[in-house]
C-alpha cells in the first residue's frame, strides 16, 4: 500500500477516535470512550506501516491530520476555523509539502 492512503486512513482513525472520546465525555457514555480508545490504537498501528523515517513520517502525517481534523470539526461539530487556524494551517501544509517534495536527502 502507498504512503498517502495509509496516512489518510491513519488520520481518519485518529480524528474518529478523538471525536468518539469527545462524544463520550459530553454524555455519550463509557462505550463511546472505549470505542474511541480502540480506534486510537488502530491509528497507532496504521500510521507506522509506512517506510518513511519517523521524523518525516510525522511531519507529513501532521498535514493530513490537520486537514482531516478541520473537515471533521466543520462537518460534525459545526466549528468554523478562524483566521489564526487558517494561517497556521497554511504554514503546516507548506511544511508538509516541503518535506514531501524535497526528497530524502
N, C-alpha and C. Protein backbone atom coordinates (compact mmCIF):
# COMPACT_ATOMS: atom_id res chain seq x y z
N UNK A 1 0.84 -1.18 0.00
CA UNK A 1 0.00 0.00 0.00
C UNK A 1 0.89 1.25 0.00
N UNK A 2 0.47 2.29 -0.66
CA UNK A 2 1.25 3.51 -0.77
C UNK A 2 1.13 4.35 0.50
N UNK A 3 2.08 5.27 0.67
CA UNK A 3 2.15 6.07 1.88
C UNK A 3 0.94 6.97 2.07
N UNK A 4 0.52 7.70 1.05
CA UNK A 4 -0.59 8.65 1.21
C UNK A 4 -1.88 7.98 1.68
N UNK A 5 -2.32 6.88 1.07
CA UNK A 5 -3.54 6.24 1.58
C UNK A 5 -3.41 5.76 3.02
N UNK A 6 -2.23 5.25 3.40
CA UNK A 6 -2.02 4.83 4.78
C UNK A 6 -2.13 6.00 5.74
N UNK A 7 -1.50 7.12 5.38
CA UNK A 7 -1.55 8.29 6.25
C UNK A 7 -2.96 8.87 6.32
N UNK A 8 -3.68 8.85 5.21
CA UNK A 8 -5.05 9.34 5.21
C UNK A 8 -5.93 8.47 6.10
N UNK A 9 -5.82 7.16 5.98
CA UNK A 9 -6.59 6.26 6.83
C UNK A 9 -6.22 6.45 8.30
N UNK A 10 -4.93 6.61 8.58
CA UNK A 10 -4.50 6.84 9.96
C UNK A 10 -5.10 8.12 10.50
N UNK A 11 -5.12 9.18 9.71
CA UNK A 11 -5.69 10.45 10.16
C UNK A 11 -7.18 10.31 10.43
N UNK A 12 -7.88 9.62 9.56
CA UNK A 12 -9.31 9.40 9.77
C UNK A 12 -9.53 8.62 11.06
N UNK A 13 -8.72 7.61 11.31
CA UNK A 13 -8.85 6.83 12.54
C UNK A 13 -8.56 7.68 13.77
N UNK A 14 -7.51 8.50 13.71
CA UNK A 14 -7.16 9.32 14.87
C UNK A 14 -8.26 10.35 15.16
N UNK A 15 -8.71 11.02 14.14
CA UNK A 15 -9.76 12.02 14.33
C UNK A 15 -11.05 11.35 14.84
N UNK A 16 -11.39 10.20 14.28
CA UNK A 16 -12.59 9.48 14.72
C UNK A 16 -12.46 9.05 16.18
N UNK A 17 -11.29 8.56 16.56
CA UNK A 17 -11.07 8.17 17.95
C UNK A 17 -11.19 9.34 18.90
N UNK A 18 -10.58 10.46 18.53
CA UNK A 18 -10.70 11.68 19.34
C UNK A 18 -12.15 12.13 19.44
N UNK A 19 -12.87 12.09 18.32
CA UNK A 19 -14.28 12.53 18.30
C UNK A 19 -15.14 11.62 19.18
N UNK A 20 -14.88 10.31 19.13
CA UNK A 20 -15.64 9.39 19.97
C UNK A 20 -15.41 9.65 21.46
N UNK A 21 -14.18 9.95 21.81
CA UNK A 21 -13.88 10.27 23.21
C UNK A 21 -14.58 11.57 23.60
N UNK A 22 -14.58 12.56 22.71
CA UNK A 22 -15.27 13.82 22.98
C UNK A 22 -16.77 13.57 23.20
N UNK A 23 -17.36 12.77 22.32
CA UNK A 23 -18.78 12.43 22.46
C UNK A 23 -19.03 11.73 23.80
N UNK A 24 -18.16 10.79 24.15
CA UNK A 24 -18.29 10.08 25.42
C UNK A 24 -18.22 11.01 26.61
N UNK A 25 -17.29 11.96 26.58
CA UNK A 25 -17.14 12.90 27.69
C UNK A 25 -18.31 13.86 27.80
N UNK A 26 -18.97 14.11 26.70
CA UNK A 26 -20.12 15.04 26.71
C UNK A 26 -21.44 14.32 26.90
N UNK A 27 -21.40 13.12 27.46
CA UNK A 27 -22.64 12.44 27.80
C UNK A 27 -22.92 11.18 27.00
N UNK A 28 -22.03 10.82 26.09
CA UNK A 28 -22.23 9.63 25.27
C UNK A 28 -21.91 8.34 25.98
N UNK A 29 -21.26 8.44 27.13
CA UNK A 29 -21.00 7.26 27.95
C UNK A 29 -19.67 6.59 27.71
N UNK A 30 -19.45 5.59 28.53
CA UNK A 30 -18.18 4.87 28.56
C UNK A 30 -17.95 4.06 27.28
N UNK A 31 -19.01 3.58 26.65
CA UNK A 31 -18.84 2.80 25.42
C UNK A 31 -18.25 3.65 24.30
N UNK A 32 -18.70 4.89 24.19
CA UNK A 32 -18.14 5.79 23.17
C UNK A 32 -16.66 6.04 23.45
N UNK A 33 -16.31 6.23 24.72
CA UNK A 33 -14.90 6.46 25.06
C UNK A 33 -14.06 5.21 24.82
N UNK A 34 -14.59 4.05 25.15
CA UNK A 34 -13.86 2.79 24.91
C UNK A 34 -13.68 2.56 23.41
N UNK A 35 -14.70 2.85 22.64
CA UNK A 35 -14.58 2.72 21.18
C UNK A 35 -13.53 3.70 20.66
N UNK A 36 -13.53 4.91 21.20
CA UNK A 36 -12.52 5.90 20.81
C UNK A 36 -11.12 5.42 21.11
N UNK A 37 -10.93 4.81 22.27
CA UNK A 37 -9.61 4.28 22.64
C UNK A 37 -9.17 3.18 21.68
N UNK A 38 -10.09 2.29 21.33
CA UNK A 38 -9.76 1.20 20.40
C UNK A 38 -9.40 1.75 19.02
N UNK A 39 -10.12 2.76 18.58
CA UNK A 39 -9.83 3.36 17.27
C UNK A 39 -8.47 4.06 17.31
N UNK A 40 -8.12 4.67 18.43
CA UNK A 40 -6.81 5.33 18.54
C UNK A 40 -5.67 4.32 18.51
N UNK A 41 -5.88 3.14 19.08
CA UNK A 41 -4.86 2.08 18.98
C UNK A 41 -4.70 1.66 17.52
N UNK A 42 -5.80 1.51 16.81
CA UNK A 42 -5.74 1.16 15.38
C UNK A 42 -4.98 2.23 14.60
N UNK A 43 -5.22 3.48 14.93
CA UNK A 43 -4.47 4.58 14.30
C UNK A 43 -2.98 4.41 14.51
N UNK A 44 -2.58 4.10 15.72
CA UNK A 44 -1.15 3.95 16.03
C UNK A 44 -0.47 2.90 15.18
N UNK A 45 -1.16 1.81 14.94
CA UNK A 45 -0.61 0.78 14.07
C UNK A 45 -0.58 1.26 12.62
N UNK A 46 -1.66 1.87 12.16
CA UNK A 46 -1.77 2.28 10.77
C UNK A 46 -0.71 3.30 10.39
N UNK A 47 -0.51 4.30 11.23
CA UNK A 47 0.42 5.38 10.88
C UNK A 47 1.86 4.86 10.80
N UNK A 48 2.16 3.77 11.47
CA UNK A 48 3.52 3.25 11.47
C UNK A 48 3.77 2.16 10.44
N UNK A 49 2.84 1.92 9.53
CA UNK A 49 3.03 0.92 8.48
C UNK A 49 3.78 1.46 7.26
N UNK A 50 4.09 2.76 7.26
CA UNK A 50 4.82 3.31 6.12
C UNK A 50 6.31 3.05 6.29
N UNK A 51 7.05 3.29 5.23
CA UNK A 51 8.50 3.05 5.27
C UNK A 51 9.29 4.35 5.47
N UNK A 52 8.60 5.46 5.76
CA UNK A 52 9.27 6.73 5.99
C UNK A 52 9.98 6.72 7.34
N UNK A 53 11.10 7.49 7.46
CA UNK A 53 11.71 7.62 8.77
C UNK A 53 10.73 8.39 9.66
N UNK A 54 10.85 8.21 10.97
CA UNK A 54 9.82 8.67 11.89
C UNK A 54 9.59 10.17 11.83
N UNK A 55 10.66 10.97 11.78
CA UNK A 55 10.51 12.42 11.73
C UNK A 55 9.78 12.88 10.49
N UNK A 56 10.15 12.35 9.35
CA UNK A 56 9.49 12.72 8.10
C UNK A 56 8.05 12.20 8.07
N UNK A 57 7.86 10.98 8.56
CA UNK A 57 6.53 10.40 8.65
C UNK A 57 5.60 11.32 9.44
N UNK A 58 6.01 11.71 10.63
CA UNK A 58 5.17 12.55 11.48
C UNK A 58 4.96 13.93 10.85
N UNK A 59 5.98 14.48 10.21
CA UNK A 59 5.84 15.78 9.55
C UNK A 59 4.78 15.75 8.47
N UNK A 60 4.81 14.74 7.64
CA UNK A 60 3.81 14.62 6.57
C UNK A 60 2.45 14.22 7.13
N UNK A 61 2.45 13.37 8.13
CA UNK A 61 1.20 12.94 8.72
C UNK A 61 0.43 14.11 9.35
N UNK A 62 1.15 15.01 9.99
CA UNK A 62 0.50 16.13 10.67
C UNK A 62 -0.29 16.98 9.69
N UNK A 63 0.19 17.12 8.47
CA UNK A 63 -0.54 17.88 7.45
C UNK A 63 -1.89 17.20 7.18
N UNK A 64 -1.85 15.91 6.94
CA UNK A 64 -3.07 15.17 6.63
C UNK A 64 -4.01 15.18 7.83
N UNK A 65 -3.44 14.98 9.03
CA UNK A 65 -4.25 15.02 10.23
C UNK A 65 -4.93 16.37 10.40
N UNK A 66 -4.18 17.45 10.20
CA UNK A 66 -4.75 18.79 10.33
C UNK A 66 -5.95 18.97 9.40
N UNK A 67 -5.78 18.58 8.14
CA UNK A 67 -6.86 18.75 7.17
C UNK A 67 -8.09 17.91 7.53
N UNK A 68 -7.88 16.66 7.90
CA UNK A 68 -9.00 15.79 8.28
C UNK A 68 -9.67 16.33 9.54
N UNK A 69 -8.90 16.82 10.49
CA UNK A 69 -9.47 17.36 11.73
C UNK A 69 -10.33 18.59 11.45
N UNK A 70 -9.87 19.46 10.56
CA UNK A 70 -10.64 20.66 10.25
C UNK A 70 -11.95 20.31 9.54
N UNK A 71 -11.89 19.37 8.63
CA UNK A 71 -13.10 18.93 7.92
C UNK A 71 -14.08 18.29 8.90
N UNK A 72 -13.58 17.46 9.81
CA UNK A 72 -14.42 16.82 10.81
C UNK A 72 -15.04 17.84 11.75
N UNK A 73 -14.24 18.80 12.21
CA UNK A 73 -14.76 19.85 13.10
C UNK A 73 -15.88 20.62 12.43
N UNK A 74 -15.72 20.89 11.15
CA UNK A 74 -16.71 21.65 10.40
C UNK A 74 -17.99 20.83 10.17
N UNK A 75 -17.82 19.58 9.73
CA UNK A 75 -18.97 18.75 9.38
C UNK A 75 -19.75 18.24 10.59
N UNK A 76 -19.04 17.78 11.61
CA UNK A 76 -19.70 17.09 12.72
C UNK A 76 -19.92 17.95 13.96
N UNK A 77 -19.04 18.94 14.18
CA UNK A 77 -19.16 19.76 15.38
C UNK A 77 -19.55 21.20 15.06
N UNK A 78 -19.78 21.47 13.76
CA UNK A 78 -20.23 22.80 13.31
C UNK A 78 -19.28 23.92 13.74
N UNK A 79 -17.98 23.62 13.75
CA UNK A 79 -16.95 24.60 14.12
C UNK A 79 -16.31 25.14 12.84
N UNK A 80 -16.33 26.44 12.69
CA UNK A 80 -15.72 27.08 11.52
C UNK A 80 -14.33 27.57 11.92
N UNK A 81 -13.30 27.21 11.16
CA UNK A 81 -11.95 27.68 11.53
C UNK A 81 -11.83 29.19 11.38
N UNK A 82 -11.18 29.80 12.33
CA UNK A 82 -10.93 31.25 12.30
C UNK A 82 -9.59 31.53 11.66
N UNK A 83 -9.32 32.80 11.44
CA UNK A 83 -8.12 33.21 10.71
C UNK A 83 -6.82 32.64 11.29
N UNK A 84 -6.61 32.63 12.61
CA UNK A 84 -5.35 32.05 13.11
C UNK A 84 -5.18 30.57 12.72
N UNK A 85 -6.29 29.83 12.72
CA UNK A 85 -6.23 28.42 12.33
C UNK A 85 -5.93 28.30 10.84
N UNK A 86 -6.54 29.16 10.04
CA UNK A 86 -6.30 29.11 8.60
C UNK A 86 -4.86 29.48 8.26
N UNK A 87 -4.33 30.51 8.90
CA UNK A 87 -2.94 30.92 8.64
C UNK A 87 -1.97 29.87 9.16
N UNK A 88 -2.17 29.41 10.39
CA UNK A 88 -1.31 28.37 10.94
C UNK A 88 -1.39 27.10 10.13
N UNK A 89 -2.59 26.75 9.69
CA UNK A 89 -2.78 25.56 8.86
C UNK A 89 -2.05 25.68 7.53
N UNK A 90 -2.06 26.87 6.95
CA UNK A 90 -1.33 27.08 5.69
C UNK A 90 0.16 26.85 5.91
N UNK A 91 0.68 27.26 7.05
CA UNK A 91 2.10 27.02 7.36
C UNK A 91 2.37 25.53 7.56
N UNK A 92 1.46 24.84 8.23
CA UNK A 92 1.60 23.40 8.42
C UNK A 92 1.63 22.69 7.07
N UNK A 93 0.69 23.04 6.21
CA UNK A 93 0.63 22.42 4.88
C UNK A 93 1.89 22.74 4.08
N UNK A 94 2.36 23.98 4.15
CA UNK A 94 3.59 24.35 3.42
C UNK A 94 4.77 23.52 3.91
N UNK A 95 4.86 23.29 5.21
CA UNK A 95 5.94 22.48 5.75
C UNK A 95 5.85 21.03 5.28
N UNK A 96 4.67 20.48 5.29
CA UNK A 96 4.48 19.10 4.83
C UNK A 96 4.79 18.93 3.36
N UNK A 97 4.36 19.89 2.56
CA UNK A 97 4.66 19.83 1.12
C UNK A 97 6.16 19.91 0.90
N UNK A 98 6.83 20.78 1.67
CA UNK A 98 8.29 20.90 1.56
C UNK A 98 8.97 19.56 1.84
N UNK A 99 8.54 18.88 2.90
CA UNK A 99 9.13 17.58 3.24
C UNK A 99 8.83 16.53 2.19
N UNK A 100 7.64 16.59 1.61
CA UNK A 100 7.25 15.59 0.62
C UNK A 100 8.01 15.74 -0.69
N UNK A 101 8.24 16.97 -1.13
CA UNK A 101 8.85 17.18 -2.44
C UNK A 101 10.36 17.36 -2.40
N UNK A 102 10.91 17.67 -1.25
CA UNK A 102 12.35 17.94 -1.14
C UNK A 102 13.17 16.67 -1.37
N UNK A 103 12.62 15.52 -1.03
CA UNK A 103 13.35 14.26 -1.18
C UNK A 103 13.87 13.80 0.16
N UNK A 104 14.56 12.68 0.13
CA UNK A 104 15.05 12.08 1.37
C UNK A 104 16.39 12.62 1.79
N UNK A 105 17.10 13.32 0.92
CA UNK A 105 18.38 13.99 1.16
C UNK A 105 19.09 13.47 2.27
